[in-house]
Amino acid sequence: MVSYFSGFVFGKVLCLFLVLLLFLSTVNLYVWLSGINIKTVNLLGEITLGMYCLLIFATLYIFCNHAHYVTNIVRCQKILFEYINGEVREKTNKMQQLDVYF
């Protein structure tokens, strides 16, 4: 029960972190693009904001890509488990039918 609860809390914290990261990336992208629009451009500042923006979006992409991969693995394992469970159920029913005849 404790491991389930800690996993639940970790999932909530991770979702909060990803939402915060998405919000920061949106603000960072807005500041970066509005800074480019100004006539006097601080080149070092713009490059830094652009790198932060790319880093944040790359991190979000990696998180989402791995989450999608894990979801596919869990889905395939669930389908495989249901298939194996169906085969075991069929064999059990056949064995029970044989027991009835003897």
C-alpha atoms as a PDB file:
ATOM      1  CA  MET A   1       0.000   0.000   0.000  1.00  0.00           C
ATOM      2  CA  VAL A   2       2.832   2.380   0.803  1.00  0.00           C
ATOM      3  CA  SER A   3       4.555   1.760  -2.531  1.00  0.00           C
ATOM      4  CA  TYR A   4       1.284   2.358  -4.379  1.00  0.00           C
ATOM      5  CA  PHE A   5       0.738   5.636  -2.519  1.00  0.00           C
ATOM      6  CA  SER A   6       4.323   6.798  -3.102  1.00  0.00           C
ATOM      7  CA  GLY A   7       4.001   5.965  -6.797  1.00  0.00           C
ATOM      8  CA  PHE A   8       0.749   7.917  -6.933  1.00  0.00           C
ATOM      9  CA  VAL A   9       2.386  10.926  -5.262  1.00  0.00           C
ATOM     10  CA  PHE A  10       5.414  10.676  -7.554  1.00  0.00           C
ATOM     11  CA  GLY A  11       3.111  10.669 -10.577  1.00  0.00           C
ATOM     12  CA  LYS A  12       1.320  13.784  -9.316  1.00  0.00           C
ATOM     13  CA  VAL A  13       4.619  15.578  -8.678  1.00  0.00           C
ATOM     14  CA  LEU A  14       5.912  14.589 -12.113  1.00  0.00           C
ATOM     15  CA  CYS A  15       2.731  15.903 -13.769  1.00  0.00           C
ATOM     16  CA  LEU A  16       3.062  19.161 -11.839  1.00  0.00           C
ATOM     17  CA  PHE A  17       6.699  19.415 -12.924  1.00  0.00           C
ATOM     18  CA  LEU A  18       5.785  18.844 -16.572  1.00  0.00           C
ATOM     19  CA  VAL A  19       2.999  21.454 -16.454  1.00  0.00           C
ATOM     20  CA  LEU A  20       5.403  23.912 -14.836  1.00  0.00           C
ATOM     21  CA  LEU A  21       8.000  23.129 -17.495  1.00  0.00           C
ATOM     22  CA  LEU A  22       5.432  23.690 -20.248  1.00  0.00           C
ATOM     23  CA  PHE A  23       4.423  27.025 -18.697  1.00  0.00           C
ATOM     24  CA  LEU A  24       8.057  28.122 -18.416  1.00  0.00           C
ATOM     25  CA  SER A  25       8.740  27.115 -21.995  1.00  0.00           C
ATOM     26  CA  THR A  26       5.767  29.150 -23.199  1.00  0.00           C
ATOM     27  CA  VAL A  27       6.883  32.225 -21.257  1.00  0.00           C
ATOM     28  CA  ASN A  28      10.470  31.737 -22.392  1.00  0.00           C
ATOM     29  CA  LEU A  29       9.412  31.421 -26.028  1.00  0.00           C
ATOM     30  CA  TYR A  30       7.299  34.573 -25.751  1.00  0.00           C
ATOM     31  CA  VAL A  31      10.148  36.572 -24.179  1.00  0.00           C
ATOM     32  CA  TRP A  32      12.612  35.248 -26.728  1.00  0.00           C
ATOM     33  CA  LEU A  33      10.443  36.103 -29.734  1.00  0.00           C
ATOM     34  CA  SER A  34       9.459  39.517 -28.348  1.00  0.00           C
ATOM     35  CA  GLY A  35      13.137  40.254 -27.701  1.00  0.00           C
ATOM     36  CA  ILE A  36      13.962  39.505 -31.326  1.00  0.00           C
ATOM     37  CA  ASN A  37      11.238  41.923 -32.433  1.00  0.00           C
ATOM     38  CA  ILE A  38      12.902  44.894 -30.643  1.00  0.00           C
ATOM     39  CA  LYS A  39      15.261  46.984 -32.782  1.00  0.00           C
ATOM     40  CA  THR A  40      18.124  46.908 -30.264  1.00  0.00           C
ATOM     41  CA  VAL A  41      18.939  43.250 -29.806  1.00  0.00           C
ATOM     42  CA  ASN A  42      21.226  41.861 -27.117  1.00  0.00           C
ATOM     43  CA  LEU A  43      22.750  39.001 -29.086  1.00  0.00           C
ATOM     44  CA  LEU A  44      24.100  37.072 -26.103  1.00  0.00           C
ATOM     45  CA  GLY A  45      20.777  37.329 -24.257  1.00  0.00           C
ATOM     46  CA  GLU A  46      18.818  36.187 -27.304  1.00  0.00           C
ATOM     47  CA  ILE A  47      21.108  33.215 -27.858  1.00  0.00           C
ATOM     48  CA  THR A  48      20.820  32.266 -24.176  1.00  0.00           C
ATOM     49  CA  LEU A  49      17.012  32.495 -24.202  1.00  0.00           C
ATOM     50  CA  GLY A  50      16.899  30.508 -27.441  1.00  0.00           C
ATOM     51  CA  MET A  51      19.080  27.772 -25.973  1.00  0.00           C
ATOM     52  CA  TYR A  52      16.923  27.621 -22.828  1.00  0.00           C
ATOM     53  CA  CYS A  53      13.829  27.376 -24.984  1.00  0.00           C
ATOM     54  CA  LEU A  54      15.302  24.555 -27.075  1.00  0.00           C
ATOM     55  CA  LEU A  55      16.491  22.757 -23.950  1.00  0.00           C
ATOM     56  CA  ILE A  56      13.065  22.952 -22.310  1.00  0.00           C
ATOM     57  CA  PHE A  57      11.271  21.715 -25.420  1.00  0.00           C
ATOM     58  CA  ALA A  58      13.799  18.907 -25.871  1.00  0.00           C
ATOM     59  CA  THR A  59      13.243  17.856 -22.248  1.00  0.00           C
ATOM     60  CA  LEU A  60       9.469  17.863 -22.729  1.00  0.00           C
ATOM     61  CA  TYR A  61       9.846  15.841 -25.925  1.00  0.00           C
ATOM     62  CA  ILE A  62      12.028  13.260 -24.185  1.00  0.00           C
ATOM     63  CA  PHE A  63       9.567  12.929 -21.279  1.00  0.00           C
ATOM     64  CA  CYS A  64       6.584  12.561 -23.593  1.00  0.00           C
ATOM     65  CA  ASN A  65       8.400  10.128 -25.888  1.00  0.00           C
ATOM     66  CA  HIS A  66       9.371   7.860 -22.991  1.00  0.00           C
ATOM     67  CA  ALA A  67       5.874   8.066 -21.516  1.00  0.00           C
ATOM     68  CA  HIS A  68       4.423   6.995 -24.856  1.00  0.00           C
ATOM     69  CA  TYR A  69       6.920   4.119 -25.057  1.00  0.00           C
ATOM     70  CA  VAL A  70       6.058   2.910 -21.544  1.00  0.00           C
ATOM     71  CA  THR A  71       2.335   3.172 -22.292  1.00  0.00           C
ATOM     72  CA  ASN A  72       2.780   0.986 -25.373  1.00  0.00           C
ATOM     73  CA  ILE A  73       4.748  -1.582 -23.370  1.00  0.00           C
ATOM     74  CA  VAL A  74       2.069  -1.737 -20.664  1.00  0.00           C
ATOM     75  CA  ARG A  75      -0.673  -2.022 -23.289  1.00  0.00           C
ATOM     76  CA  CYS A  76       1.148  -4.880 -25.055  1.00  0.00           C
ATOM     77  CA  GLN A  77       1.734  -6.676 -21.747  1.00  0.00           C
ATOM     78  CA  LYS A  78      -1.938  -6.300 -20.875  1.00  0.00           C
ATOM     79  CA  ILE A  79      -2.983  -7.763 -24.238  1.00  0.00           C
ATOM     80  CA  LEU A  80      -0.479 -10.601 -23.850  1.00  0.00           C
ATOM     81  CA  PHE A  81      -1.691 -11.303 -20.306  1.00  0.00           C
ATOM     82  CA  GLU A  82      -5.313 -11.398 -21.461  1.00  0.00           C
ATOM     83  CA  TYR A  83      -4.344 -13.768 -24.298  1.00  0.00           C
ATOM     84  CA  ILE A  84      -2.411 -16.073 -21.946  1.00  0.00           C
ATOM     85  CA  ASN A  85      -5.182 -15.878 -19.371  1.00  0.00           C
ATOM     86  CA  GLY A  86      -7.679 -16.896 -22.089  1.00  0.00           C
ATOM     87  CA  GLU A  87      -5.540 -19.890 -23.084  1.00  0.00           C
ATOM     88  CA  VAL A  88      -5.195 -20.992 -19.460  1.00  0.00           C
ATOM     89  CA  ARG A  89      -8.950 -20.617 -18.971  1.00  0.00           C
ATOM     90  CA  GLU A  90      -9.628 -22.778 -22.042  1.00  0.00           C
ATOM     91  CA  LYS A  91      -7.215 -25.481 -20.876  1.00  0.00           C
ATOM     92  CA  THR A  92      -8.716 -25.402 -17.391  1.00  0.00           C
ATOM     93  CA  ASN A  93     -12.208 -25.792 -18.813  1.00  0.00           C
ATOM     94  CA  LYS A  94     -11.032 -28.734 -20.957  1.00  0.00           C
ATOM     95  CA  MET A  95      -9.441 -30.384 -17.927  1.00  0.00           C
ATOM     96  CA  GLN A  96     -12.610 -29.877 -15.914  1.00  0.00           C
ATOM     97  CA  GLN A  97     -14.654 -31.452 -18.705  1.00  0.00           C
ATOM     98  CA  LEU A  98     -12.290 -34.440 -18.755  1.00  0.00           C
ATOM     99  CA  ASP A  99     -12.641 -34.792 -14.994  1.00  0.00           C
ATOM    100  CA  VAL A 100     -16.410 -34.904 -15.359  1.00  0.00           C
ATOM    101  CA  TYR A 101     -16.191 -37.812 -17.796  1.00  0.00           C
ATOM    102  CA  PHE A 102     -14.019 -39.903 -15.489  1.00  0.00           C
END
